[in-house]
Structure formats: structure tokens, C-alpha cells
Amino acid sequence: MTKHTRSQAQQATLDRIEDDVAVLIVEGREVTRPLASLPSGVREGDVLDLETMTVNPEATEALREQVRAARQRAKKGKTPPPGDFDL
């Protein structure tokens, strides 16, 4: 049996907000919670400590940096399509 460290076992990432429901990713699984049970001002992509129900700013920034780096790797060497388009 493997032991989880506190940070692995007790954290979740806020994947998305659907109306008044928060969809969290916990150990690779989606879990839903009422949005009202999360800290006020929580945003998609925030990493939450499930024990204290607070945002972990260091883990959130580390995750955002990983996402930025992955996007840069994905865009590297690619040219945008010709023509005008709106996002």
C-alpha cells in the first residue's frame, strides 16, 4: 500500500464552474461540490486544500506555469492560418 503525502491526497483543482456547481479534479476524478462551499473569489484553475477549503496560491501558480509552458511547446514552430478570424 502506498502512502500519499498530505499535499497529494488533500488537494483538488477547480476544473470548471457550471451554474452553482463546482467541478473539481481530485486524484484524476471529477467531483462536484456546491460552489457556495468553496472560498469566495475562487477561479477555474485554482488549487484547493480540501482539508481547509482554501486556495493554495503556490500550487495554483505552479499549475498555471505548467499550463503556460505546455501552451508554448504546443505553439512552437506553428504559423497561424492565413486570413482574418475572430476568437
PDB file of N, CA and C in Angstrom:
ATOM      1  N   MET A   1       0.844  -1.168   0.000  1.00  0.00           N
ATOM      2  CA  MET A   1       0.000   0.000   0.000  1.00  0.00           C
ATOM      3  C   MET A   1       0.896   1.241   0.000  1.00  0.00           C
ATOM      4  N   THR A   2       0.607   2.182  -0.899  1.00  0.00           N
ATOM      5  CA  THR A   2       1.416   3.396  -0.968  1.00  0.00           C
ATOM      6  C   THR A   2       0.801   4.475  -0.104  1.00  0.00           C
ATOM      7  N   LYS A   3       1.652   5.245   0.521  1.00  0.00           N
ATOM      8  CA  LYS A   3       1.184   6.360   1.335  1.00  0.00           C
ATOM      9  C   LYS A   3       1.176   7.623   0.489  1.00  0.00           C
ATOM     10  N   HIS A   4       0.140   8.386   0.631  1.00  0.00           N
ATOM     11  CA  HIS A   4       0.069   9.682  -0.047  1.00  0.00           C
ATOM     12  C   HIS A   4       0.583  10.741   0.905  1.00  0.00           C
ATOM     13  N   THR A   5       1.303  11.689   0.355  1.00  0.00           N
ATOM     14  CA  THR A   5       1.663  12.827   1.184  1.00  0.00           C
ATOM     15  C   THR A   5       0.422  13.685   1.349  1.00  0.00           C
ATOM     16  N   ARG A   6       0.433  14.519   2.335  1.00  0.00           N
ATOM     17  CA  ARG A   6      -0.724  15.371   2.594  1.00  0.00           C
ATOM     18  C   ARG A   6      -1.083  16.201   1.369  1.00  0.00           C
ATOM     19  N   SER A   7      -0.079  16.736   0.668  1.00  0.00           N
ATOM     20  CA  SER A   7      -0.369  17.598  -0.472  1.00  0.00           C
ATOM     21  C   SER A   7      -0.997  16.831  -1.621  1.00  0.00           C
ATOM     22  N   GLN A   8      -0.631  15.563  -1.809  1.00  0.00           N
ATOM     23  CA  GLN A   8      -1.216  14.790  -2.897  1.00  0.00           C
ATOM     24  C   GLN A   8      -2.664  14.408  -2.578  1.00  0.00           C
ATOM     25  N   ALA A   9      -2.890  13.940  -1.376  1.00  0.00           N
ATOM     26  CA  ALA A   9      -4.187  13.374  -1.039  1.00  0.00           C
ATOM     27  C   ALA A   9      -5.238  14.443  -0.741  1.00  0.00           C
ATOM     28  N   GLN A  10      -4.841  15.623  -0.377  1.00  0.00           N
ATOM     29  CA  GLN A  10      -5.786  16.609   0.109  1.00  0.00           C
ATOM     30  C   GLN A  10      -5.982  17.796  -0.829  1.00  0.00           C
ATOM     31  N   GLN A  11      -5.576  17.692  -2.089  1.00  0.00           N
ATOM     32  CA  GLN A  11      -5.730  18.832  -2.985  1.00  0.00           C
ATOM     33  C   GLN A  11      -6.645  18.495  -4.153  1.00  0.00           C
ATOM     34  N   ALA A  12      -7.269  19.536  -4.666  1.00  0.00           N
ATOM     35  CA  ALA A  12      -8.135  19.421  -5.834  1.00  0.00           C
ATOM     36  C   ALA A  12      -7.926  20.649  -6.703  1.00  0.00           C
ATOM     37  N   THR A  13      -8.146  20.481  -7.984  1.00  0.00           N
ATOM     38  CA  THR A  13      -8.083  21.606  -8.919  1.00  0.00           C
ATOM     39  C   THR A  13      -9.495  21.937  -9.367  1.00  0.00           C
ATOM     40  N   LEU A  14      -9.858  23.215  -9.334  1.00  0.00           N
ATOM     41  CA  LEU A  14     -11.173  23.634  -9.814  1.00  0.00           C
ATOM     42  C   LEU A  14     -11.133  23.632 -11.334  1.00  0.00           C
ATOM     43  N   ASP A  15     -11.793  22.646 -11.924  1.00  0.00           N
ATOM     44  CA  ASP A  15     -11.791  22.487 -13.369  1.00  0.00           C
ATOM     45  C   ASP A  15     -12.721  23.485 -14.038  1.00  0.00           C
ATOM     46  N   ARG A  16     -13.946  23.559 -13.516  1.00  0.00           N
ATOM     47  CA  ARG A  16     -14.923  24.470 -14.120  1.00  0.00           C
ATOM     48  C   ARG A  16     -16.065  24.729 -13.147  1.00  0.00           C
ATOM     49  N   ILE A  17     -16.812  25.771 -13.467  1.00  0.00           N
ATOM     50  CA  ILE A  17     -17.991  26.133 -12.686  1.00  0.00           C
ATOM     51  C   ILE A  17     -19.186  26.053 -13.622  1.00  0.00           C
ATOM     52  N   GLU A  18     -20.177  25.277 -13.228  1.00  0.00           N
ATOM     53  CA  GLU A  18     -21.409  25.129 -14.008  1.00  0.00           C
ATOM     54  C   GLU A  18     -22.566  25.603 -13.138  1.00  0.00           C
ATOM     55  N   ASP A  19     -23.075  26.786 -13.438  1.00  0.00           N
ATOM     56  CA  ASP A  19     -24.125  27.414 -12.636  1.00  0.00           C
ATOM     57  C   ASP A  19     -23.639  27.544 -11.189  1.00  0.00           C
ATOM     58  N   ASP A  20     -24.266  26.845 -10.245  1.00  0.00           N
ATOM     59  CA  ASP A  20     -23.852  26.958  -8.848  1.00  0.00           C
ATOM     60  C   ASP A  20     -23.122  25.699  -8.366  1.00  0.00           C
ATOM     61  N   VAL A  21     -22.547  24.952  -9.329  1.00  0.00           N
ATOM     62  CA  VAL A  21     -21.819  23.721  -9.018  1.00  0.00           C
ATOM     63  C   VAL A  21     -20.365  23.862  -9.466  1.00  0.00           C
ATOM     64  N   ALA A  22     -19.447  23.497  -8.570  1.00  0.00           N
ATOM     65  CA  ALA A  22     -18.020  23.488  -8.899  1.00  0.00           C
ATOM     66  C   ALA A  22     -17.623  22.059  -9.259  1.00  0.00           C
ATOM     67  N   VAL A  23     -16.905  21.907 -10.383  1.00  0.00           N
ATOM     68  CA  VAL A  23     -16.388  20.603 -10.782  1.00  0.00           C
ATOM     69  C   VAL A  23     -14.898  20.594 -10.460  1.00  0.00           C
ATOM     70  N   LEU A  24     -14.531  19.738  -9.513  1.00  0.00           N
ATOM     71  CA  LEU A  24     -13.151  19.627  -9.057  1.00  0.00           C
ATOM     72  C   LEU A  24     -12.517  18.359  -9.614  1.00  0.00           C
ATOM     73  N   ILE A  25     -11.204  18.401  -9.820  1.00  0.00           N
ATOM     74  CA  ILE A  25     -10.449  17.211 -10.185  1.00  0.00           C
ATOM     75  C   ILE A  25      -9.680  16.791  -8.939  1.00  0.00           C
ATOM     76  N   VAL A  26      -9.992  15.606  -8.441  1.00  0.00           N
ATOM     77  CA  VAL A  26      -9.348  15.054  -7.254  1.00  0.00           C
ATOM     78  C   VAL A  26      -8.765  13.702  -7.646  1.00  0.00           C
ATOM     79  N   GLU A  27      -7.440  13.599  -7.605  1.00  0.00           N
ATOM     80  CA  GLU A  27      -6.744  12.364  -7.963  1.00  0.00           C
ATOM     81  C   GLU A  27      -7.225  11.819  -9.302  1.00  0.00           C
ATOM     82  N   GLY A  28      -7.391  12.716 -10.282  1.00  0.00           N
ATOM     83  CA  GLY A  28      -7.765  12.322 -11.637  1.00  0.00           C
ATOM     84  C   GLY A  28      -9.250  12.083 -11.855  1.00  0.00           C
ATOM     85  N   ARG A  29     -10.066  12.236 -10.820  1.00  0.00           N
ATOM     86  CA  ARG A  29     -11.503  12.028 -10.949  1.00  0.00           C
ATOM     87  C   ARG A  29     -12.248  13.346 -10.778  1.00  0.00           C
ATOM     88  N   GLU A  30     -13.383  13.467 -11.472  1.00  0.00           N
ATOM     89  CA  GLU A  30     -14.226  14.647 -11.303  1.00  0.00           C
ATOM     90  C   GLU A  30     -15.120  14.466 -10.084  1.00  0.00           C
ATOM     91  N   VAL A  31     -15.176  15.491  -9.263  1.00  0.00           N
ATOM     92  CA  VAL A  31     -16.020  15.512  -8.071  1.00  0.00           C
ATOM     93  C   VAL A  31     -16.760  16.838  -8.092  1.00  0.00           C
ATOM     94  N   THR A  32     -18.033  16.824  -7.786  1.00  0.00           N
ATOM     95  CA  THR A  32     -18.790  18.077  -7.759  1.00  0.00           C
ATOM     96  C   THR A  32     -19.055  18.500  -6.323  1.00  0.00           C
ATOM     97  N   ARG A  33     -19.074  19.802  -6.132  1.00  0.00           N
ATOM     98  CA  ARG A  33     -19.375  20.418  -4.830  1.00  0.00           C
ATOM     99  C   ARG A  33     -20.211  21.657  -5.105  1.00  0.00           C
ATOM    100  N   PRO A  34     -21.058  22.042  -4.169  1.00  0.00           N
ATOM    101  CA  PRO A  34     -21.768  23.316  -4.329  1.00  0.00           C
ATOM    102  C   PRO A  34     -20.743  24.458  -4.382  1.00  0.00           C
ATOM    103  N   LEU A  35     -20.916  25.355  -5.313  1.00  0.00           N
ATOM    104  CA  LEU A  35     -19.998  26.485  -5.436  1.00  0.00           C
ATOM    105  C   LEU A  35     -19.935  27.275  -4.136  1.00  0.00           C
ATOM    106  N   ALA A  36     -21.056  27.366  -3.433  1.00  0.00           N
ATOM    107  CA  ALA A  36     -21.108  28.124  -2.174  1.00  0.00           C
ATOM    108  C   ALA A  36     -20.212  27.516  -1.093  1.00  0.00           C
ATOM    109  N   SER A  37     -19.819  26.243  -1.240  1.00  0.00           N
ATOM    110  CA  SER A  37     -18.960  25.618  -0.232  1.00  0.00           C
ATOM    111  C   SER A  37     -17.480  25.940  -0.440  1.00  0.00           C
ATOM    112  N   LEU A  38     -17.159  26.597  -1.554  1.00  0.00           N
ATOM    113  CA  LEU A  38     -15.773  26.967  -1.857  1.00  0.00           C
ATOM    114  C   LEU A  38     -15.517  28.406  -1.419  1.00  0.00           C
ATOM    115  N   PRO A  39     -14.249  28.781  -1.270  1.00  0.00           N
ATOM    116  CA  PRO A  39     -13.941  30.155  -0.860  1.00  0.00           C
ATOM    117  C   PRO A  39     -14.469  31.166  -1.871  1.00  0.00           C
ATOM    118  N   SER A  40     -14.896  32.313  -1.396  1.00  0.00           N
ATOM    119  CA  SER A  40     -15.380  33.346  -2.310  1.00  0.00           C
ATOM    120  C   SER A  40     -14.220  33.818  -3.184  1.00  0.00           C
ATOM    121  N   GLY A  41     -14.512  34.091  -4.433  1.00  0.00           N
ATOM    122  CA  GLY A  41     -13.492  34.557  -5.371  1.00  0.00           C
ATOM    123  C   GLY A  41     -12.692  33.441  -6.017  1.00  0.00           C
ATOM    124  N   VAL A  42     -13.008  32.180  -5.732  1.00  0.00           N
ATOM    125  CA  VAL A  42     -12.284  31.065  -6.330  1.00  0.00           C
ATOM    126  C   VAL A  42     -12.491  31.092  -7.846  1.00  0.00           C
ATOM    127  N   ARG A  43     -11.430  30.702  -8.584  1.00  0.00           N
ATOM    128  CA  ARG A  43     -11.478  30.745 -10.049  1.00  0.00           C
ATOM    129  C   ARG A  43     -11.103  29.393 -10.622  1.00  0.00           C
ATOM    130  N   GLU A  44     -11.540  29.165 -11.854  1.00  0.00           N
ATOM    131  CA  GLU A  44     -11.145  27.947 -12.553  1.00  0.00           C
ATOM    132  C   GLU A  44      -9.624  27.895 -12.625  1.00  0.00           C
ATOM    133  N   GLY A  45      -9.061  26.723 -12.333  1.00  0.00           N
ATOM    134  CA  GLY A  45      -7.619  26.559 -12.335  1.00  0.00           C
ATOM    135  C   GLY A  45      -6.987  26.692 -10.964  1.00  0.00           C
ATOM    136  N   ASP A  46      -7.759  27.170  -9.979  1.00  0.00           N
ATOM    137  CA  ASP A  46      -7.221  27.277  -8.623  1.00  0.00           C
ATOM    138  C   ASP A  46      -7.034  25.883  -8.020  1.00  0.00           C
ATOM    139  N   VAL A  47      -5.985  25.740  -7.221  1.00  0.00           N
ATOM    140  CA  VAL A  47      -5.742  24.503  -6.485  1.00  0.00           C
ATOM    141  C   VAL A  47      -6.210  24.729  -5.052  1.00  0.00           C
ATOM    142  N   LEU A  48      -7.075  23.826  -4.582  1.00  0.00           N
ATOM    143  CA  LEU A  48      -7.673  23.954  -3.255  1.00  0.00           C
ATOM    144  C   LEU A  48      -7.152  22.889  -2.310  1.00  0.00           C
ATOM    145  N   ASP A  49      -6.950  23.273  -1.071  1.00  0.00           N
ATOM    146  CA  ASP A  49      -6.653  22.331   0.002  1.00  0.00           C
ATOM    147  C   ASP A  49      -8.012  21.849   0.499  1.00  0.00           C
ATOM    148  N   LEU A  50      -8.309  20.572   0.335  1.00  0.00           N
ATOM    149  CA  LEU A  50      -9.633  20.064   0.682  1.00  0.00           C
ATOM    150  C   LEU A  50      -9.874  20.019   2.191  1.00  0.00           C
ATOM    151  N   GLU A  51      -8.812  19.948   2.964  1.00  0.00           N
ATOM    152  CA  GLU A  51      -8.979  19.903   4.416  1.00  0.00           C
ATOM    153  C   GLU A  51      -9.413  21.252   4.966  1.00  0.00           C
ATOM    154  N   THR A  52      -8.808  22.325   4.459  1.00  0.00           N
ATOM    155  CA  THR A  52      -9.122  23.669   4.961  1.00  0.00           C
ATOM    156  C   THR A  52     -10.052  24.443   4.039  1.00  0.00           C
ATOM    157  N   MET A  53     -10.294  23.911   2.834  1.00  0.00           N
ATOM    158  CA  MET A  53     -11.102  24.577   1.806  1.00  0.00           C
ATOM    159  C   MET A  53     -10.596  25.988   1.535  1.00  0.00           C
ATOM    160  N   THR A  54      -9.284  26.093   1.358  1.00  0.00           N
ATOM    161  CA  THR A  54      -8.655  27.358   0.991  1.00  0.00           C
ATOM    162  C   THR A  54      -7.869  27.155  -0.292  1.00  0.00           C
ATOM    163  N   VAL A  55      -7.642  28.248  -0.999  1.00  0.00           N
ATOM    164  CA  VAL A  55      -6.832  28.212  -2.213  1.00  0.00           C
ATOM    165  C   VAL A  55      -5.362  28.134  -1.809  1.00  0.00           C
ATOM    166  N   ASN A  56      -4.621  27.237  -2.468  1.00  0.00           N
ATOM    167  CA  ASN A  56      -3.180  27.117  -2.246  1.00  0.00           C
ATOM    168  C   ASN A  56      -2.504  27.955  -3.333  1.00  0.00           C
ATOM    169  N   PRO A  57      -2.074  29.184  -3.017  1.00  0.00           N
ATOM    170  CA  PRO A  57      -1.544  30.069  -4.055  1.00  0.00           C
ATOM    171  C   PRO A  57      -0.275  29.535  -4.719  1.00  0.00           C
ATOM    172  N   GLU A  58       0.600  28.881  -3.947  1.00  0.00           N
ATOM    173  CA  GLU A  58       1.842  28.357  -4.539  1.00  0.00           C
ATOM    174  C   GLU A  58       1.541  27.240  -5.540  1.00  0.00           C
ATOM    175  N   ALA A  59       0.664  26.318  -5.156  1.00  0.00           N
ATOM    176  CA  ALA A  59       0.311  25.211  -6.058  1.00  0.00           C
ATOM    177  C   ALA A  59      -0.454  25.724  -7.269  1.00  0.00           C
ATOM    178  N   THR A  60      -1.299  26.740  -7.072  1.00  0.00           N
ATOM    179  CA  THR A  60      -2.052  27.318  -8.189  1.00  0.00           C
ATOM    180  C   THR A  60      -1.101  27.947  -9.197  1.00  0.00           C
ATOM    181  N   GLU A  61      -0.135  28.727  -8.723  1.00  0.00           N
ATOM    182  CA  GLU A  61       0.819  29.366  -9.635  1.00  0.00           C
ATOM    183  C   GLU A  61       1.678  28.325 -10.340  1.00  0.00           C
ATOM    184  N   ALA A  62       2.082  27.286  -9.638  1.00  0.00           N
ATOM    185  CA  ALA A  62       2.885  26.217 -10.264  1.00  0.00           C
ATOM    186  C   ALA A  62       2.089  25.536 -11.373  1.00  0.00           C
ATOM    187  N   LEU A  63       0.807  25.281 -11.138  1.00  0.00           N
ATOM    188  CA  LEU A  63      -0.037  24.660 -12.157  1.00  0.00           C
ATOM    189  C   LEU A  63      -0.205  25.593 -13.354  1.00  0.00           C
ATOM    190  N   ARG A  64      -0.441  26.872 -13.091  1.00  0.00           N
ATOM    191  CA  ARG A  64      -0.590  27.832 -14.199  1.00  0.00           C
ATOM    192  C   ARG A  64       0.686  27.918 -15.021  1.00  0.00           C
ATOM    193  N   GLU A  65       1.847  27.853 -14.371  1.00  0.00           N
ATOM    194  CA  GLU A  65       3.122  27.886 -15.093  1.00  0.00           C
ATOM    195  C   GLU A  65       3.270  26.639 -15.962  1.00  0.00           C
ATOM    196  N   GLN A  66       2.862  25.487 -15.464  1.00  0.00           N
ATOM    197  CA  GLN A  66       2.915  24.258 -16.268  1.00  0.00           C
ATOM    198  C   GLN A  66       2.031  24.386 -17.507  1.00  0.00           C
ATOM    199  N   VAL A  67       0.851  24.974 -17.342  1.00  0.00           N
ATOM    200  CA  VAL A  67      -0.071  25.161 -18.463  1.00  0.00           C
ATOM    201  C   VAL A  67       0.529  26.139 -19.481  1.00  0.00           C
ATOM    202  N   ARG A  68       1.119  27.247 -18.986  1.00  0.00           N
ATOM    203  CA  ARG A  68       1.750  28.214 -19.907  1.00  0.00           C
ATOM    204  C   ARG A  68       2.869  27.544 -20.707  1.00  0.00           C
ATOM    205  N   ALA A  69       3.698  26.767 -20.035  1.00  0.00           N
ATOM    206  CA  ALA A  69       4.811  26.091 -20.713  1.00  0.00           C
ATOM    207  C   ALA A  69       4.289  25.093 -21.742  1.00  0.00           C
ATOM    208  N   ALA A  70       3.241  24.362 -21.408  1.00  0.00           N
ATOM    209  CA  ALA A  70       2.668  23.393 -22.348  1.00  0.00           C
ATOM    210  C   ALA A  70       2.098  24.099 -23.574  1.00  0.00           C
ATOM    211  N   ARG A  71       1.450  25.239 -23.354  1.00  0.00           N
ATOM    212  CA  ARG A  71       0.911  26.005 -24.491  1.00  0.00           C
ATOM    213  C   ARG A  71       2.039  26.510 -25.391  1.00  0.00           C
ATOM    214  N   GLN A  72       3.123  26.982 -24.783  1.00  0.00           N
ATOM    215  CA  GLN A  72       4.260  27.462 -25.567  1.00  0.00           C
ATOM    216  C   GLN A  72       4.856  26.320 -26.402  1.00  0.00           C
ATOM    217  N   ARG A  73       5.004  25.145 -25.796  1.00  0.00           N
ATOM    218  CA  ARG A  73       5.529  23.984 -26.531  1.00  0.00           C
ATOM    219  C   ARG A  73       4.602  23.611 -27.678  1.00  0.00           C
ATOM    220  N   ALA A  74       3.296  23.683 -27.441  1.00  0.00           N
ATOM    221  CA  ALA A  74       2.327  23.313 -28.475  1.00  0.00           C
ATOM    222  C   ALA A  74       2.341  24.295 -29.647  1.00  0.00           C
ATOM    223  N   LYS A  75       2.568  25.579 -29.347  1.00  0.00           N
ATOM    224  CA  LYS A  75       2.564  26.602 -30.402  1.00  0.00           C
ATOM    225  C   LYS A  75       3.897  26.705 -31.139  1.00  0.00           C
ATOM    226  N   LYS A  76       4.950  26.190 -30.557  1.00  0.00           N
ATOM    227  CA  LYS A  76       6.297  26.362 -31.104  1.00  0.00           C
ATOM    228  C   LYS A  76       6.369  25.854 -32.553  1.00  0.00           C
ATOM    229  N   GLY A  77       6.810  26.734 -33.433  1.00  0.00           N
ATOM    230  CA  GLY A  77       7.013  26.359 -34.828  1.00  0.00           C
ATOM    231  C   GLY A  77       5.757  26.360 -35.669  1.00  0.00           C
ATOM    232  N   LYS A  78       4.628  26.700 -35.096  1.00  0.00           N
ATOM    233  CA  LYS A  78       3.378  26.709 -35.864  1.00  0.00           C
ATOM    234  C   LYS A  78       3.064  28.128 -36.305  1.00  0.00           C
ATOM    235  N   THR A  79       2.636  28.274 -37.531  1.00  0.00           N
ATOM    236  CA  THR A  79       2.231  29.587 -38.034  1.00  0.00           C
ATOM    237  C   THR A  79       0.713  29.660 -38.001  1.00  0.00           C
ATOM    238  N   PRO A  80       0.186  30.832 -37.744  1.00  0.00           N
ATOM    239  CA  PRO A  80      -1.281  30.960 -37.716  1.00  0.00           C
ATOM    240  C   PRO A  80      -1.869  30.766 -39.124  1.00  0.00           C
ATOM    241  N   PRO A  81      -3.113  30.354 -39.199  1.00  0.00           N
ATOM    242  CA  PRO A  81      -3.740  30.186 -40.504  1.00  0.00           C
ATOM    243  C   PRO A  81      -3.875  31.524 -41.210  1.00  0.00           C
ATOM    244  N   PRO A  82      -3.875  31.520 -42.541  1.00  0.00           N
ATOM    245  CA  PRO A  82      -3.999  32.784 -43.286  1.00  0.00           C
ATOM    246  C   PRO A  82      -5.404  33.373 -43.131  1.00  0.00           C
ATOM    247  N   GLY A  83      -5.501  34.681 -43.315  1.00  0.00           N
ATOM    248  CA  GLY A  83      -6.795  35.346 -43.273  1.00  0.00           C
ATOM    249  C   GLY A  83      -7.102  35.919 -41.914  1.00  0.00           C
ATOM    250  N   ASP A  84      -8.242  36.635 -41.867  1.00  0.00           N
ATOM    251  CA  ASP A  84      -8.689  37.253 -40.623  1.00  0.00           C
ATOM    252  C   ASP A  84      -9.669  36.316 -39.924  1.00  0.00           C
ATOM    253  N   PHE A  85      -9.580  36.271 -38.627  1.00  0.00           N
ATOM    254  CA  PHE A  85     -10.560  35.497 -37.867  1.00  0.00           C
ATOM    255  C   PHE A  85     -10.669  36.095 -36.474  1.00  0.00           C
ATOM    256  N   ASP A  86     -11.835  35.899 -35.884  1.00  0.00           N
ATOM    257  CA  ASP A  86     -12.096  36.386 -34.529  1.00  0.00           C
ATOM    258  C   ASP A  86     -12.137  35.212 -33.587  1.00  0.00           C
ATOM    259  N   LEU A  87     -11.626  35.421 -32.373  1.00  0.00           N
ATOM    260  CA  LEU A  87     -11.702  34.388 -31.351  1.00  0.00           C
ATOM    261  C   LEU A  87     -12.857  34.679 -30.426  1.00  0.00           C
TER     262      LEU A  87
END
